[in-house]
Amino acid sequence: MPEADAHLRGIVSAVADAADHALTLWAGGETRVRQWEKVPGHPVCDADLEVDALLRKRLGEIDPGAGWLSEETADTVHRLGVSRVWVVDPIDGTRDYLRGRPGWCVSVALIEDGAVKIGILAAPARNELWVGQLGIGATRNGLPLRAGARTLLPGARVPADQLPRVDRDLVVVEKPNSIALRMAMVAADEADLVATVRWGNEWDIAAAALICQEAGATVTDALGDPLRFNRPRPTAFGLLCAASGIHAAATERLAPRAREILG
């Protein structure tokens, strides 16, 4: 399907170029961008806005009829009336970006009728390009990805700074600030589980969710329910991304905490 291949190449090129621009501003860790907080605890910088503008222009040229949902753009109802929507986080992991750490990426997903069709993560500070296509598979730097075959929850690897006492039977591994990259670690069999019990945004997880699913992992909300994208309120409560063999056990452990928080 040469036309489909060319379409994908155009999207990948647009995302990679935007990520390279972010890398130039990052300058090997000596970030030269203005930064501030949108709300307390949520940093943003000039690079977020510049990458957002670059992506909106390039992706809009590739698919002018698609809607737009981005962390750094005011949301509108227009996206709810079209079948295809770009879901974008210009820099996922802004804290690492601003601290000169490599745990950030540009995340772009193409949604069609609520499902992710294409997911791309470009992490130039790590020399990584992740691509997922629905029904076709997922790759990192062109190499196929396969999530782990773990079947026991105790001993599962979790990207975290530290774990609650109740979860001390799990194993901490390196944690990039980007949640998309933490999820991608599950796709690459470098972690077994990523879980949250808080409200999160579609742009944080859409691209990585497809990459993980195409690698054989299972991705749901914190209650174990399927994720759907381009919703009127583009959020979900929590995330459970795991090697398929431990997803049920992880849901059994996480869901009661989620229900308690939800009341």
C-alpha atoms as a PDB file:
ATOM      1  CA  MET A   1       0.000   0.000   0.000  1.00  0.00           C
ATOM      2  CA  PRO A   2       2.329   2.749  -1.255  1.00  0.00           C
ATOM      3  CA  GLU A   3      -0.179   5.520  -0.481  1.00  0.00           C
ATOM      4  CA  ALA A   4      -0.516   4.417   3.151  1.00  0.00           C
ATOM      5  CA  ASP A   5       3.257   4.134   3.475  1.00  0.00           C
ATOM      6  CA  ALA A   6       3.733   7.644   2.119  1.00  0.00           C
ATOM      7  CA  HIS A   7       1.082   8.947   4.528  1.00  0.00           C
ATOM      8  CA  LEU A   8       2.875   7.385   7.481  1.00  0.00           C
ATOM      9  CA  ARG A   9       6.264   8.653   6.311  1.00  0.00           C
ATOM     10  CA  GLY A  10       4.863  12.170   6.116  1.00  0.00           C
ATOM     11  CA  ILE A  11       3.523  11.983   9.675  1.00  0.00           C
ATOM     12  CA  VAL A  12       6.750  10.514  11.040  1.00  0.00           C
ATOM     13  CA  SER A  13       8.779  13.194   9.260  1.00  0.00           C
ATOM     14  CA  ALA A  14       6.626  15.974  10.723  1.00  0.00           C
ATOM     15  CA  VAL A  15       6.928  14.594  14.261  1.00  0.00           C
ATOM     16  CA  ALA A  16      10.676  13.971  13.945  1.00  0.00           C
ATOM     17  CA  ASP A  17      11.280  17.500  12.626  1.00  0.00           C
ATOM     18  CA  ALA A  18       9.304  19.016  15.498  1.00  0.00           C
ATOM     19  CA  ALA A  19      11.237  16.897  18.003  1.00  0.00           C
ATOM     20  CA  ASP A  20      14.538  17.969  16.440  1.00  0.00           C
ATOM     21  CA  HIS A  21      13.469  21.590  16.895  1.00  0.00           C
ATOM     22  CA  ALA A  22      12.774  20.894  20.571  1.00  0.00           C
ATOM     23  CA  LEU A  23      16.182  19.247  20.829  1.00  0.00           C
ATOM     24  CA  THR A  24      17.860  22.320  19.342  1.00  0.00           C
ATOM     25  CA  LEU A  25      16.228  24.504  21.982  1.00  0.00           C
ATOM     26  CA  TRP A  26      17.149  21.958  24.656  1.00  0.00           C
ATOM     27  CA  ALA A  27      20.796  22.173  23.531  1.00  0.00           C
ATOM     28  CA  GLY A  28      22.089  19.099  25.291  1.00  0.00           C
ATOM     29  CA  GLY A  29      20.485  19.992  28.575  1.00  0.00           C
ATOM     30  CA  GLU A  30      21.260  23.716  28.711  1.00  0.00           C
ATOM     31  CA  THR A  31      17.683  24.733  28.053  1.00  0.00           C
ATOM     32  CA  ARG A  32      17.466  28.253  26.653  1.00  0.00           C
ATOM     33  CA  VAL A  33      13.711  28.677  26.771  1.00  0.00           C
ATOM     34  CA  ARG A  34      11.428  30.853  28.861  1.00  0.00           C
ATOM     35  CA  GLN A  35       9.363  28.835  31.336  1.00  0.00           C
ATOM     36  CA  TRP A  36       6.412  29.428  33.635  1.00  0.00           C
ATOM     37  CA  GLU A  37       3.552  27.501  35.265  1.00  0.00           C
ATOM     38  CA  LYS A  38       0.103  27.213  33.675  1.00  0.00           C
ATOM     39  CA  VAL A  39      -1.208  26.274  37.101  1.00  0.00           C
ATOM     40  CA  PRO A  40       0.868  25.446  40.182  1.00  0.00           C
ATOM     41  CA  GLY A  41       2.903  22.300  39.589  1.00  0.00           C
ATOM     42  CA  HIS A  42       2.339  22.216  35.810  1.00  0.00           C
ATOM     43  CA  PRO A  43       5.317  23.768  34.010  1.00  0.00           C
ATOM     44  CA  VAL A  44       5.264  24.957  30.417  1.00  0.00           C
ATOM     45  CA  CYS A  45       7.902  26.631  28.274  1.00  0.00           C
ATOM     46  CA  ASP A  46       8.377  28.331  24.930  1.00  0.00           C
ATOM     47  CA  ALA A  47       9.428  25.016  23.385  1.00  0.00           C
ATOM     48  CA  ASP A  48       5.994  23.496  24.151  1.00  0.00           C
ATOM     49  CA  LEU A  49       4.303  26.290  22.211  1.00  0.00           C
ATOM     50  CA  GLU A  50       6.757  26.320  19.309  1.00  0.00           C
ATOM     51  CA  VAL A  51       6.548  22.556  18.820  1.00  0.00           C
ATOM     52  CA  ASP A  52       2.751  22.726  19.063  1.00  0.00           C
ATOM     53  CA  ALA A  53       2.622  25.354  16.297  1.00  0.00           C
ATOM     54  CA  LEU A  54       5.023  23.407  14.072  1.00  0.00           C
ATOM     55  CA  LEU A  55       3.003  20.224  14.434  1.00  0.00           C
ATOM     56  CA  ARG A  56      -0.332  21.909  13.829  1.00  0.00           C
ATOM     57  CA  LYS A  57       0.971  23.384  10.581  1.00  0.00           C
ATOM     58  CA  ARG A  58       2.650  20.226   9.285  1.00  0.00           C
ATOM     59  CA  LEU A  59      -0.026  17.765  10.355  1.00  0.00           C
ATOM     60  CA  GLY A  60      -2.748  20.099   9.089  1.00  0.00           C
ATOM     61  CA  GLU A  61      -1.121  19.978   5.663  1.00  0.00           C
ATOM     62  CA  ILE A  62      -1.096  16.176   5.748  1.00  0.00           C
ATOM     63  CA  ASP A  63      -4.749  15.823   6.768  1.00  0.00           C
ATOM     64  CA  PRO A  64      -6.618  19.148   6.554  1.00  0.00           C
ATOM     65  CA  GLY A  65      -9.914  17.532   7.522  1.00  0.00           C
ATOM     66  CA  ALA A  66      -8.717  16.166  10.853  1.00  0.00           C
ATOM     67  CA  GLY A  67      -9.587  17.836  14.138  1.00  0.00           C
ATOM     68  CA  TRP A  68      -7.059  18.935  16.737  1.00  0.00           C
ATOM     69  CA  LEU A  69      -6.625  18.207  20.454  1.00  0.00           C
ATOM     70  CA  SER A  70      -3.396  19.338  22.099  1.00  0.00           C
ATOM     71  CA  GLU A  71      -2.196  20.113  25.594  1.00  0.00           C
ATOM     72  CA  GLU A  72      -1.063  23.545  24.455  1.00  0.00           C
ATOM     73  CA  THR A  73      -4.051  24.601  22.334  1.00  0.00           C
ATOM     74  CA  ALA A  74      -7.457  25.764  23.567  1.00  0.00           C
ATOM     75  CA  ASP A  75      -9.960  22.952  22.992  1.00  0.00           C
ATOM     76  CA  THR A  76     -13.001  23.453  20.767  1.00  0.00           C
ATOM     77  CA  VAL A  77     -16.063  21.366  19.908  1.00  0.00           C
ATOM     78  CA  HIS A  78     -14.965  21.158  16.266  1.00  0.00           C
ATOM     79  CA  ARG A  79     -13.049  17.923  16.886  1.00  0.00           C
ATOM     80  CA  LEU A  80     -16.245  16.186  18.065  1.00  0.00           C
ATOM     81  CA  GLY A  81     -17.826  16.601  14.642  1.00  0.00           C
ATOM     82  CA  VAL A  82     -15.081  14.927  12.587  1.00  0.00           C
ATOM     83  CA  SER A  83     -14.024  11.298  12.398  1.00  0.00           C
ATOM     84  CA  ARG A  84     -10.250  11.869  12.527  1.00  0.00           C
ATOM     85  CA  VAL A  85      -8.432  13.898  15.173  1.00  0.00           C
ATOM     86  CA  TRP A  86      -4.775  14.623  15.920  1.00  0.00           C
ATOM     87  CA  VAL A  87      -4.081  14.187  19.638  1.00  0.00           C
ATOM     88  CA  VAL A  88      -0.803  15.882  20.534  1.00  0.00           C
ATOM     89  CA  ASP A  89       1.469  16.493  23.491  1.00  0.00           C
ATOM     90  CA  PRO A  90       4.214  18.769  22.102  1.00  0.00           C
ATOM     91  CA  ILE A  91       6.590  17.900  24.943  1.00  0.00           C
ATOM     92  CA  ASP A  92       5.559  15.102  27.272  1.00  0.00           C
ATOM     93  CA  GLY A  93       7.872  15.199  30.257  1.00  0.00           C
ATOM     94  CA  THR A  94       8.397  18.959  30.419  1.00  0.00           C
ATOM     95  CA  ARG A  95      10.010  18.684  33.862  1.00  0.00           C
ATOM     96  CA  ASP A  96      12.802  16.490  32.491  1.00  0.00           C
ATOM     97  CA  TYR A  97      13.107  18.803  29.490  1.00  0.00           C
ATOM     98  CA  LEU A  98      13.592  21.834  31.714  1.00  0.00           C
ATOM     99  CA  ARG A  99      16.005  20.019  34.025  1.00  0.00           C
ATOM    100  CA  GLY A 100      18.234  18.917  31.164  1.00  0.00           C
ATOM    101  CA  ARG A 101      17.269  15.261  31.507  1.00  0.00           C
ATOM    102  CA  PRO A 102      16.468  13.105  28.466  1.00  0.00           C
ATOM    103  CA  GLY A 103      13.155  11.646  29.707  1.00  0.00           C
ATOM    104  CA  TRP A 104      10.917  13.691  27.394  1.00  0.00           C
ATOM    105  CA  CYS A 105       9.347  13.129  23.996  1.00  0.00           C
ATOM    106  CA  VAL A 106       6.983  14.527  21.388  1.00  0.00           C
ATOM    107  CA  SER A 107       3.776  12.473  21.325  1.00  0.00           C
ATOM    108  CA  VAL A 108       1.375  12.420  18.366  1.00  0.00           C
ATOM    109  CA  ALA A 109      -1.609  10.137  17.761  1.00  0.00           C
ATOM    110  CA  LEU A 110      -4.072  10.031  14.883  1.00  0.00           C
ATOM    111  CA  ILE A 111      -7.500   9.020  16.195  1.00  0.00           C
ATOM    112  CA  GLU A 112     -10.257   7.720  13.960  1.00  0.00           C
ATOM    113  CA  ASP A 113     -13.755   7.144  15.358  1.00  0.00           C
ATOM    114  CA  GLY A 114     -12.408   6.959  18.901  1.00  0.00           C
ATOM    115  CA  ALA A 115      -9.579   4.502  18.224  1.00  0.00           C
ATOM    116  CA  VAL A 116      -5.870   5.245  17.798  1.00  0.00           C
ATOM    117  CA  LYS A 117      -4.768   4.398  14.251  1.00  0.00           C
ATOM    118  CA  ILE A 118      -1.205   5.755  14.379  1.00  0.00           C
ATOM    119  CA  GLY A 119       0.941   6.583  17.410  1.00  0.00           C
ATOM    120  CA  ILE A 120       4.384   8.183  17.321  1.00  0.00           C
ATOM    121  CA  LEU A 121       6.803   9.109  20.098  1.00  0.00           C
ATOM    122  CA  ALA A 122       9.941  11.008  19.138  1.00  0.00           C
ATOM    123  CA  ALA A 123      12.534  11.169  21.920  1.00  0.00           C
ATOM    124  CA  PRO A 124      15.586  12.746  20.263  1.00  0.00           C
ATOM    125  CA  ALA A 125      17.567  13.208  23.478  1.00  0.00           C
ATOM    126  CA  ARG A 126      17.438   9.400  23.778  1.00  0.00           C
ATOM    127  CA  ASN A 127      17.884   8.745  20.036  1.00  0.00           C
ATOM    128  CA  GLU A 128      14.531   6.955  19.977  1.00  0.00           C
ATOM    129  CA  LEU A 129      11.656   6.978  17.506  1.00  0.00           C
ATOM    130  CA  TRP A 130       8.662   4.820  18.411  1.00  0.00           C
ATOM    131  CA  VAL A 131       5.942   4.086  15.829  1.00  0.00           C
ATOM    132  CA  GLY A 132       2.735   2.110  16.211  1.00  0.00           C
ATOM    133  CA  GLN A 133       0.142   1.302  13.527  1.00  0.00           C
ATOM    134  CA  LEU A 134      -3.176  -0.318  14.372  1.00  0.00           C
ATOM    135  CA  GLY A 135      -3.141  -3.970  13.298  1.00  0.00           C
ATOM    136  CA  ILE A 136       0.387  -3.746  11.896  1.00  0.00           C
ATOM    137  CA  GLY A 137       2.688  -3.587  14.907  1.00  0.00           C
ATOM    138  CA  ALA A 138       5.030  -1.276  16.777  1.00  0.00           C
ATOM    139  CA  THR A 139       8.716  -0.472  16.419  1.00  0.00           C
ATOM    140  CA  ARG A 140      11.490   1.452  18.113  1.00  0.00           C
ATOM    141  CA  ASN A 141      14.097   2.767  15.681  1.00  0.00           C
ATOM    142  CA  GLY A 142      12.696   0.356  13.116  1.00  0.00           C
ATOM    143  CA  LEU A 143      12.986  -2.772  15.281  1.00  0.00           C
ATOM    144  CA  PRO A 144       9.808  -4.678  16.224  1.00  0.00           C
ATOM    145  CA  LEU A 145       8.628  -4.424  19.839  1.00  0.00           C
ATOM    146  CA  ARG A 146       7.280  -7.226  22.002  1.00  0.00           C
ATOM    147  CA  ALA A 147       6.077  -6.732  25.565  1.00  0.00           C
ATOM    148  CA  GLY A 148       7.210  -9.190  28.231  1.00  0.00           C
ATOM    149  CA  ALA A 149       5.602 -12.542  28.992  1.00  0.00           C
ATOM    150  CA  ARG A 150       5.513 -12.103  32.771  1.00  0.00           C
ATOM    151  CA  THR A 151       2.640 -13.886  34.536  1.00  0.00           C
ATOM    152  CA  LEU A 152       3.345 -13.082  38.219  1.00  0.00           C
ATOM    153  CA  LEU A 153       2.679  -9.623  39.619  1.00  0.00           C
ATOM    154  CA  PRO A 154       5.246  -9.833  42.464  1.00  0.00           C
ATOM    155  CA  GLY A 155       8.612  -8.884  41.034  1.00  0.00           C
ATOM    156  CA  ALA A 156       7.112  -6.863  38.176  1.00  0.00           C
ATOM    157  CA  ARG A 157       9.274  -3.933  37.055  1.00  0.00           C
ATOM    158  CA  VAL A 158       7.722  -0.492  37.547  1.00  0.00           C
ATOM    159  CA  PRO A 159       9.257   2.853  36.458  1.00  0.00           C
ATOM    160  CA  ALA A 160       8.999   4.835  39.692  1.00  0.00           C
ATOM    161  CA  ASP A 161      10.943   7.001  42.120  1.00  0.00           C
ATOM    162  CA  GLN A 162       9.617   4.918  44.998  1.00  0.00           C
ATOM    163  CA  LEU A 163       6.685   2.623  45.729  1.00  0.00           C
ATOM    164  CA  PRO A 164       4.049   2.588  48.499  1.00  0.00           C
ATOM    165  CA  ARG A 165       4.717   0.014  51.211  1.00  0.00           C
ATOM    166  CA  VAL A 166       1.827  -2.115  49.974  1.00  0.00           C
ATOM    167  CA  ASP A 167       3.591  -2.435  46.612  1.00  0.00           C
ATOM    168  CA  ARG A 168       7.058  -3.289  47.889  1.00  0.00           C
ATOM    169  CA  ASP A 169       6.824  -6.680  46.168  1.00  0.00           C
ATOM    170  CA  LEU A 170       7.356  -4.819  42.881  1.00  0.00           C
ATOM    171  CA  VAL A 171      10.746  -3.761  41.506  1.00  0.00           C
ATOM    172  CA  VAL A 172      11.641  -0.114  40.820  1.00  0.00           C
ATOM    173  CA  VAL A 173      13.349   0.691  37.524  1.00  0.00           C
ATOM    174  CA  GLU A 174      14.411   4.010  35.961  1.00  0.00           C
ATOM    175  CA  LYS A 175      11.566   6.490  35.562  1.00  0.00           C
ATOM    176  CA  PRO A 176      11.558   9.091  32.778  1.00  0.00           C
ATOM    177  CA  ASN A 177       9.292  12.053  33.521  1.00  0.00           C
ATOM    178  CA  SER A 178       7.291  11.370  30.349  1.00  0.00           C
ATOM    179  CA  ILE A 179       4.454   8.960  31.077  1.00  0.00           C
ATOM    180  CA  ALA A 180       4.391   8.078  27.373  1.00  0.00           C
ATOM    181  CA  LEU A 181       7.999   6.890  27.606  1.00  0.00           C
ATOM    182  CA  ARG A 182       7.228   4.945  30.786  1.00  0.00           C
ATOM    183  CA  MET A 183       4.452   3.161  28.916  1.00  0.00           C
ATOM    184  CA  ALA A 184       6.762   2.552  25.963  1.00  0.00           C
ATOM    185  CA  MET A 185       9.131   0.780  28.355  1.00  0.00           C
ATOM    186  CA  VAL A 186       6.391  -1.835  28.804  1.00  0.00           C
ATOM    187  CA  ALA A 187       6.163  -2.246  25.028  1.00  0.00           C
ATOM    188  CA  ALA A 188       9.937  -2.776  24.891  1.00  0.00           C
ATOM    189  CA  ASP A 189       9.989  -5.280  27.794  1.00  0.00           C
ATOM    190  CA  GLU A 190      12.028  -2.844  29.890  1.00  0.00           C
ATOM    191  CA  ALA A 191       9.192  -2.578  32.415  1.00  0.00           C
ATOM    192  CA  ASP A 192       6.145  -4.697  33.192  1.00  0.00           C
ATOM    193  CA  LEU A 193       3.683  -2.224  34.667  1.00  0.00           C
ATOM    194  CA  VAL A 194       2.760   1.469  34.664  1.00  0.00           C
ATOM    195  CA  ALA A 195      -0.206   2.501  36.799  1.00  0.00           C
ATOM    196  CA  THR A 196      -1.803   5.746  37.978  1.00  0.00           C
ATOM    197  CA  VAL A 197      -4.876   6.539  40.063  1.00  0.00           C
ATOM    198  CA  ARG A 198      -5.656  10.112  39.079  1.00  0.00           C
ATOM    199  CA  TRP A 199      -7.413  11.895  36.254  1.00  0.00           C
ATOM    200  CA  GLY A 200      -5.215  12.088  33.164  1.00  0.00           C
ATOM    201  CA  ASN A 201      -5.466  13.587  29.694  1.00  0.00           C
ATOM    202  CA  GLU A 202      -5.778  11.826  26.368  1.00  0.00           C
ATOM    203  CA  TRP A 203      -2.743  13.579  24.892  1.00  0.00           C
ATOM    204  CA  ASP A 204      -0.492  12.051  27.554  1.00  0.00           C
ATOM    205  CA  ILE A 205      -1.247   8.449  26.643  1.00  0.00           C
ATOM    206  CA  ALA A 206      -2.937   8.096  23.228  1.00  0.00           C
ATOM    207  CA  ALA A 207       0.161   7.432  21.097  1.00  0.00           C
ATOM    208  CA  ALA A 208       1.857   5.243  23.704  1.00  0.00           C
ATOM    209  CA  ALA A 209      -1.331   3.227  24.272  1.00  0.00           C
ATOM    210  CA  LEU A 210      -1.320   2.065  20.657  1.00  0.00           C
ATOM    211  CA  ILE A 211       2.411   1.310  20.705  1.00  0.00           C
ATOM    212  CA  CYS A 212       1.922  -0.831  23.823  1.00  0.00           C
ATOM    213  CA  GLN A 213      -1.131  -2.628  22.488  1.00  0.00           C
ATOM    214  CA  GLU A 214       0.585  -3.417  19.202  1.00  0.00           C
ATOM    215  CA  ALA A 215       3.528  -4.816  21.187  1.00  0.00           C
ATOM    216  CA  GLY A 216       1.163  -7.179  23.010  1.00  0.00           C
ATOM    217  CA  ALA A 217       0.632  -5.282  26.267  1.00  0.00           C
ATOM    218  CA  THR A 218      -2.797  -4.437  27.700  1.00  0.00           C
ATOM    219  CA  VAL A 219      -3.805  -0.818  28.344  1.00  0.00           C
ATOM    220  CA  THR A 220      -6.931   0.255  30.253  1.00  0.00           C
ATOM    221  CA  ASP A 221      -8.035   2.854  32.760  1.00  0.00           C
ATOM    222  CA  ALA A 222      -7.438   2.240  36.475  1.00  0.00           C
ATOM    223  CA  LEU A 223     -10.658   0.220  36.766  1.00  0.00           C
ATOM    224  CA  GLY A 224      -9.656  -2.097  33.948  1.00  0.00           C
ATOM    225  CA  ASP A 225     -12.077  -0.576  31.440  1.00  0.00           C
ATOM    226  CA  PRO A 226     -11.088   0.026  27.790  1.00  0.00           C
ATOM    227  CA  LEU A 227      -9.853   3.454  26.759  1.00  0.00           C
ATOM    228  CA  ARG A 228     -11.611   5.487  24.090  1.00  0.00           C
ATOM    229  CA  PHE A 229     -10.304   8.721  22.644  1.00  0.00           C
ATOM    230  CA  ASN A 230     -11.635  12.059  21.386  1.00  0.00           C
ATOM    231  CA  ARG A 231     -14.260  12.099  24.109  1.00  0.00           C
ATOM    232  CA  PRO A 232     -16.157  15.330  24.887  1.00  0.00           C
ATOM    233  CA  ARG A 233     -14.147  15.554  28.096  1.00  0.00           C
ATOM    234  CA  PRO A 234     -10.787  14.167  26.924  1.00  0.00           C
ATOM    235  CA  THR A 235      -9.763  12.525  30.186  1.00  0.00           C
ATOM    236  CA  ALA A 236      -9.749   9.116  31.828  1.00  0.00           C
ATOM    237  CA  PHE A 237      -9.432   8.112  35.463  1.00  0.00           C
ATOM    238  CA  GLY A 238      -6.098   6.470  35.886  1.00  0.00           C
ATOM    239  CA  LEU A 239      -4.052   4.212  33.686  1.00  0.00           C
ATOM    240  CA  LEU A 240      -3.077   0.567  33.826  1.00  0.00           C
ATOM    241  CA  CYS A 241      -0.519  -0.416  31.199  1.00  0.00           C
ATOM    242  CA  ALA A 242       0.910  -3.880  31.772  1.00  0.00           C
ATOM    243  CA  ALA A 243       2.297  -7.024  30.252  1.00  0.00           C
ATOM    244  CA  SER A 244      -0.852  -8.943  29.373  1.00  0.00           C
ATOM    245  CA  GLY A 245      -0.030 -11.825  31.705  1.00  0.00           C
ATOM    246  CA  ILE A 246      -0.214  -9.614  34.805  1.00  0.00           C
ATOM    247  CA  HIS A 247      -2.872  -7.113  33.789  1.00  0.00           C
ATOM    248  CA  ALA A 248      -5.724  -8.929  35.542  1.00  0.00           C
ATOM    249  CA  ALA A 249      -3.757  -9.219  38.793  1.00  0.00           C
ATOM    250  CA  ALA A 250      -2.706  -5.564  38.540  1.00  0.00           C
ATOM    251  CA  THR A 251      -6.336  -4.542  38.006  1.00  0.00           C
ATOM    252  CA  GLU A 252      -7.389  -6.546  41.064  1.00  0.00           C
ATOM    253  CA  ARG A 253      -4.819  -4.643  43.116  1.00  0.00           C
ATOM    254  CA  LEU A 254      -5.398  -1.170  41.642  1.00  0.00           C
ATOM    255  CA  ALA A 255      -9.150  -0.988  41.061  1.00  0.00           C
ATOM    256  CA  PRO A 256     -10.156  -0.860  44.772  1.00  0.00           C
ATOM    257  CA  ARG A 257      -7.836   2.123  45.273  1.00  0.00           C
ATOM    258  CA  ALA A 258      -9.340   3.825  42.243  1.00  0.00           C
ATOM    259  CA  ARG A 259     -12.899   3.210  43.500  1.00  0.00           C
ATOM    260  CA  GLU A 260     -12.006   4.595  46.908  1.00  0.00           C
ATOM    261  CA  ILE A 261     -10.644   7.780  45.339  1.00  0.00           C
ATOM    262  CA  LEU A 262     -13.652   8.110  43.063  1.00  0.00           C
ATOM    263  CA  GLY A 263     -15.965   7.628  46.056  1.00  0.00           C
END
